[in-house]
Amino acid sequence: MIYIPAIDIKDNKCVRLYKGDMNRYKVYKNSPTEVIDEFQLQTLSTLHIVDLDGAVCGKPKNFRTIKEFVDLTNCNIQLGGGIRTMDTLERYFDIGVTKVILGTSVLSDMRFLSEACYKYPGRICVSIDTLNGMILDMGWTNNTGRKDHEIIEMIAGFNISFIVWTDINRDGVMEGINTTGLLRVINKSRLPVVVSGGVTNVADLIFLRNNLNDSLAGVICGRALYEGSISIDIIKQLEDD
């Protein structure tokens, strides 16, 4: 299991949303350089980056800022938000993004997912963002009326690197991980699962390591890192143990 800092980008700034609400967010840093330097992100193996504006409008909106992250770090970058065409996907791979995370496009265009997995095997991931068990898309602004197990079944046969499962009710609120929902997703999925949303402190990370280390591919940390309840040193120590 790996531990992955999350960087959400809105208007070219590093922010964290509250329960996925685009109107309720906190700006933590105004540039990639600031967030990289303060949190020593260049010393980590992987970063999780989301173009929030892109997720809503369906095309890249913070490309320049994302490229700065790629250029300024030696990290593996897993990127989501607004990636709904092969041209966009290839544009990100061309600048050095390691893996892309598809969300809305999977529900609306399975042919795109098939083509992406065929051309870039093992470099495509899928996000499953749920609110009370229902999948939200379009940057968490639209309830699809579909349950998470439906998309898990739909993508089971594709060459996907992993699923990123987010409980939107827990995202950005530091109230702990929805372990019941997470276990349900892990049990239903034949693909590796990375969990996002709810990490509060190092105790959450230790709990996941001690109880789900063999069945969980990774955990994403966002607000807890920026608020200081988890440090980069702790993350590195857990990865080394």
Protein backbone atom coordinates (compact mmCIF):
# COMPACT_ATOMS: atom_id res chain seq x y z
CA MET A 1 0.00 0.00 0.00
CA ILE A 2 1.31 3.42 -0.94
CA TYR A 3 0.49 6.81 0.60
CA ILE A 4 -0.31 9.53 -1.92
CA PRO A 5 -0.67 13.29 -1.28
CA ALA A 6 -3.58 14.88 -3.16
CA ILE A 7 -3.32 18.18 -4.98
CA ASP A 8 -6.58 19.64 -6.24
CA ILE A 9 -6.21 22.57 -8.62
CA LYS A 10 -8.79 25.30 -9.10
CA ASP A 11 -8.04 28.55 -10.94
CA ASN A 12 -4.36 27.46 -10.98
CA LYS A 13 -4.27 27.38 -7.16
CA CYS A 14 -3.90 24.42 -4.80
CA VAL A 15 -7.17 23.98 -2.92
CA ARG A 16 -9.24 21.45 -1.00
CA LEU A 17 -12.99 21.16 -1.44
CA TYR A 18 -15.46 20.43 1.34
CA LYS A 19 -17.55 17.34 0.48
CA GLY A 20 -16.88 17.92 -3.20
CA ASP A 21 -18.65 21.30 -3.25
CA MET A 22 -16.98 23.55 -5.84
CA ASN A 23 -18.28 26.59 -3.96
CA ARG A 24 -16.83 25.53 -0.60
CA TYR A 25 -13.07 25.33 -0.76
CA LYS A 26 -9.94 26.54 0.94
CA VAL A 27 -6.90 27.83 -0.94
CA TYR A 28 -3.70 26.44 0.55
CA LYS A 29 -1.09 27.62 -1.91
CA ASN A 30 -1.07 29.94 -4.90
CA SER A 31 1.54 28.11 -6.98
CA PRO A 32 3.11 24.67 -7.51
CA THR A 33 6.46 25.91 -6.21
CA GLU A 34 4.94 26.91 -2.87
CA VAL A 35 3.18 23.63 -2.23
CA ILE A 36 6.13 21.52 -3.43
CA ASP A 37 8.63 23.36 -1.26
CA GLU A 38 6.54 23.58 1.93
CA PHE A 39 5.41 19.97 1.92
CA GLN A 40 8.60 18.49 0.43
CA LEU A 41 6.57 16.80 -2.28
CA GLN A 42 9.61 16.32 -4.48
CA THR A 43 10.83 13.66 -2.02
CA LEU A 44 7.82 11.38 -2.56
CA SER A 45 7.22 8.66 -5.12
CA THR A 46 3.68 9.57 -6.22
CA LEU A 47 1.35 12.58 -6.36
CA HIS A 48 -2.39 12.57 -7.05
CA ILE A 49 -3.48 15.66 -8.99
CA VAL A 50 -6.99 16.68 -10.01
CA ASP A 51 -7.94 19.50 -12.36
CA LEU A 52 -11.18 20.50 -10.62
CA ASP A 53 -12.19 23.04 -13.25
CA GLY A 54 -11.49 20.48 -15.96
CA ALA A 55 -13.65 17.88 -14.24
CA VAL A 56 -16.65 20.23 -14.38
CA CYS A 57 -16.25 21.60 -17.89
CA GLY A 58 -14.91 18.42 -19.54
CA LYS A 59 -11.56 19.67 -20.82
CA PRO A 60 -8.21 20.74 -19.33
CA LYS A 61 -8.37 24.10 -17.57
CA ASN A 62 -5.16 24.09 -15.49
CA PHE A 63 -2.74 22.51 -17.95
CA ARG A 64 0.07 25.01 -17.31
CA THR A 65 -0.02 24.43 -13.56
CA ILE A 66 -0.08 20.66 -13.97
CA LYS A 67 2.91 20.83 -16.30
CA GLU A 68 4.77 22.81 -13.64
CA PHE A 69 4.21 20.01 -11.13
CA VAL A 70 5.54 17.48 -13.62
CA ASP A 71 8.57 19.62 -14.41
CA LEU A 72 9.39 20.49 -10.79
CA THR A 73 9.19 17.00 -9.29
CA ASN A 74 10.51 13.56 -10.05
CA CYS A 75 7.31 11.98 -8.77
CA ASN A 76 4.98 9.66 -10.58
CA ILE A 77 1.95 11.81 -11.36
CA GLN A 78 -1.53 10.28 -11.46
CA LEU A 79 -3.88 12.85 -12.92
CA GLY A 80 -7.64 13.22 -13.25
CA GLY A 81 -10.15 15.88 -14.24
CA GLY A 82 -11.44 16.70 -17.71
CA ILE A 83 -9.76 13.82 -19.56
CA ARG A 84 -12.49 12.74 -21.98
CA THR A 85 -10.73 12.39 -25.35
CA MET A 86 -7.68 10.57 -26.66
CA ASP A 87 -6.13 13.91 -27.65
CA THR A 88 -6.31 15.16 -24.06
CA LEU A 89 -5.00 11.88 -22.67
CA GLU A 90 -2.05 11.86 -25.08
CA ARG A 91 -1.29 15.52 -24.38
CA TYR A 92 -0.85 14.72 -20.70
CA PHE A 93 1.27 11.65 -21.36
CA ASP A 94 3.45 13.74 -23.67
CA ILE A 95 4.38 16.13 -20.82
CA GLY A 96 5.31 13.29 -18.47
CA VAL A 97 2.15 12.35 -16.56
CA THR A 98 2.52 8.72 -15.44
CA LYS A 99 -1.11 7.61 -15.22
CA VAL A 100 -4.45 9.20 -16.03
CA ILE A 101 -7.67 8.77 -14.08
CA LEU A 102 -10.88 8.62 -16.07
CA GLY A 103 -14.25 9.32 -14.52
CA THR A 104 -17.17 10.82 -16.40
CA SER A 105 -15.84 9.60 -19.74
CA VAL A 106 -16.12 5.98 -18.63
CA LEU A 107 -19.85 6.29 -18.04
CA SER A 108 -20.54 8.14 -21.27
CA ASP A 109 -18.12 6.46 -23.67
CA MET A 110 -16.91 2.93 -23.02
CA ARG A 111 -15.22 2.91 -26.42
CA PHE A 112 -12.90 5.65 -25.19
CA LEU A 113 -11.97 3.54 -22.17
CA SER A 114 -11.35 0.52 -24.38
CA GLU A 115 -9.13 2.47 -26.77
CA ALA A 116 -7.20 4.11 -23.93
CA CYS A 117 -6.54 0.79 -22.17
CA TYR A 118 -5.49 -0.84 -25.44
CA LYS A 119 -3.05 1.91 -26.36
CA TYR A 120 -1.74 2.54 -22.82
CA PRO A 121 -2.11 -0.74 -20.90
CA GLY A 122 -1.60 -0.34 -17.16
CA ARG A 123 -1.55 3.46 -17.33
CA ILE A 124 -5.29 4.03 -17.16
CA CYS A 125 -7.18 4.30 -13.85
CA VAL A 126 -10.87 4.84 -13.15
CA SER A 127 -12.40 7.01 -10.44
CA ILE A 128 -15.57 5.91 -8.68
CA ASP A 129 -16.93 8.88 -6.78
CA THR A 130 -19.96 8.08 -4.66
CA LEU A 131 -22.45 9.91 -2.49
CA ASN A 132 -24.57 7.58 -0.39
CA GLY A 133 -23.67 4.76 -2.75
CA MET A 134 -24.61 6.62 -5.95
CA ILE A 135 -22.06 7.66 -8.56
CA LEU A 136 -21.58 11.37 -9.18
CA ASP A 137 -19.81 12.70 -12.27
CA MET A 138 -19.12 16.03 -13.99
CA GLY A 139 -16.85 17.08 -11.13
CA TRP A 140 -19.34 15.72 -8.58
CA THR A 141 -22.09 18.03 -9.83
CA ASN A 142 -24.35 15.36 -11.39
CA ASN A 143 -25.94 12.31 -9.81
CA THR A 144 -25.87 9.58 -12.47
CA GLY A 145 -28.49 7.47 -10.72
CA ARG A 146 -26.14 4.49 -10.89
CA LYS A 147 -24.57 2.57 -8.03
CA ASP A 148 -20.85 2.00 -7.63
CA HIS A 149 -21.05 -1.77 -8.14
CA GLU A 150 -22.41 -1.20 -11.65
CA ILE A 151 -19.28 0.53 -12.90
CA ILE A 152 -17.07 -1.96 -11.05
CA GLU A 153 -18.71 -4.72 -13.08
CA MET A 154 -18.53 -2.71 -16.33
CA ILE A 155 -14.76 -2.17 -16.17
CA ALA A 156 -13.73 -5.55 -14.73
CA GLY A 157 -12.35 -6.86 -18.01
CA PHE A 158 -10.25 -3.84 -18.97
CA ASN A 159 -6.49 -3.45 -18.50
CA ILE A 160 -6.88 -0.84 -15.76
CA SER A 161 -4.15 -0.03 -13.23
CA PHE A 162 -6.48 0.63 -10.29
CA ILE A 163 -9.77 2.13 -9.11
CA VAL A 164 -9.81 5.32 -7.06
CA TRP A 165 -12.83 5.10 -4.76
CA THR A 166 -14.00 8.28 -3.02
CA ASP A 167 -16.78 8.68 -0.48
CA ILE A 168 -17.75 12.29 -1.20
CA ASN A 169 -19.37 12.67 2.23
CA ARG A 170 -15.92 12.15 3.78
CA ASP A 171 -13.89 14.18 1.31
CA GLY A 172 -12.16 17.19 2.84
CA VAL A 173 -13.91 16.93 6.21
CA MET A 174 -11.33 14.87 8.17
CA GLU A 175 -13.95 12.65 9.79
CA GLY A 176 -12.36 9.27 9.16
CA ILE A 177 -12.57 6.78 6.31
CA ASN A 178 -15.81 4.99 5.49
CA THR A 179 -14.36 1.55 6.14
CA THR A 180 -17.69 -0.21 5.61
CA GLY A 181 -18.05 1.24 2.13
CA LEU A 182 -14.40 0.65 1.36
CA LEU A 183 -14.56 -3.03 2.31
CA ARG A 184 -17.64 -3.46 0.14
CA VAL A 185 -15.82 -1.96 -2.86
CA ILE A 186 -12.70 -4.04 -2.25
CA ASN A 187 -14.77 -7.21 -2.04
CA LYS A 188 -16.63 -6.43 -5.28
CA SER A 189 -13.61 -5.33 -7.31
CA ARG A 190 -11.19 -7.58 -9.12
CA LEU A 191 -9.02 -4.51 -9.71
CA PRO A 192 -6.71 -2.88 -7.12
CA VAL A 193 -8.39 -0.14 -5.10
CA VAL A 194 -7.00 3.21 -3.90
CA VAL A 195 -9.15 4.98 -1.30
CA SER A 196 -9.67 8.73 -1.08
CA GLY A 197 -11.65 10.84 1.36
CA GLY A 198 -11.73 11.00 5.13
CA VAL A 199 -8.13 10.58 6.24
CA THR A 200 -7.87 12.52 9.51
CA ASN A 201 -4.55 11.65 11.11
CA VAL A 202 -1.76 9.11 11.17
CA ALA A 203 -3.98 6.68 13.11
CA ASP A 204 -6.12 6.28 9.98
CA LEU A 205 -3.07 5.40 7.91
CA ILE A 206 -1.82 2.92 10.50
CA PHE A 207 -5.27 1.32 10.71
CA LEU A 208 -5.36 0.80 6.95
CA ARG A 209 -1.82 -0.56 6.91
CA ASN A 210 -2.48 -2.99 9.76
CA ASN A 211 -5.85 -4.20 8.52
CA LEU A 212 -5.97 -3.76 4.74
CA ASN A 213 -2.35 -3.72 3.62
CA ASP A 214 -2.76 -6.83 1.47
CA SER A 215 -6.03 -5.77 -0.17
CA LEU A 216 -5.68 -2.00 -0.60
CA ALA A 217 -3.35 -0.55 -3.23
CA GLY A 218 -3.06 2.91 -1.73
CA VAL A 219 -4.56 5.76 0.28
CA ILE A 220 -4.81 9.40 -0.76
CA CYS A 221 -4.21 12.14 1.81
CA GLY A 222 -5.35 15.71 1.25
CA ARG A 223 -6.53 18.16 3.84
CA ALA A 224 -4.94 16.22 6.73
CA LEU A 225 -1.55 16.89 5.16
CA TYR A 226 -2.17 20.59 4.58
CA GLU A 227 -3.64 21.10 8.05
CA GLY A 228 -0.63 19.45 9.67
CA SER A 229 -2.24 16.38 11.25
CA ILE A 230 -0.12 14.19 8.94
CA SER A 231 3.40 15.06 7.85
CA ILE A 232 5.43 14.06 4.83
CA ASP A 233 7.97 12.54 7.21
CA ILE A 234 5.28 10.24 8.62
CA ILE A 235 4.20 9.22 5.12
CA LYS A 236 7.78 8.41 4.16
CA GLN A 237 8.30 6.47 7.37
CA LEU A 238 5.19 4.37 6.77
CA GLU A 239 6.30 3.63 3.21
CA ASP A 240 9.73 2.55 4.46
CA ASP A 241 8.42 0.28 7.24
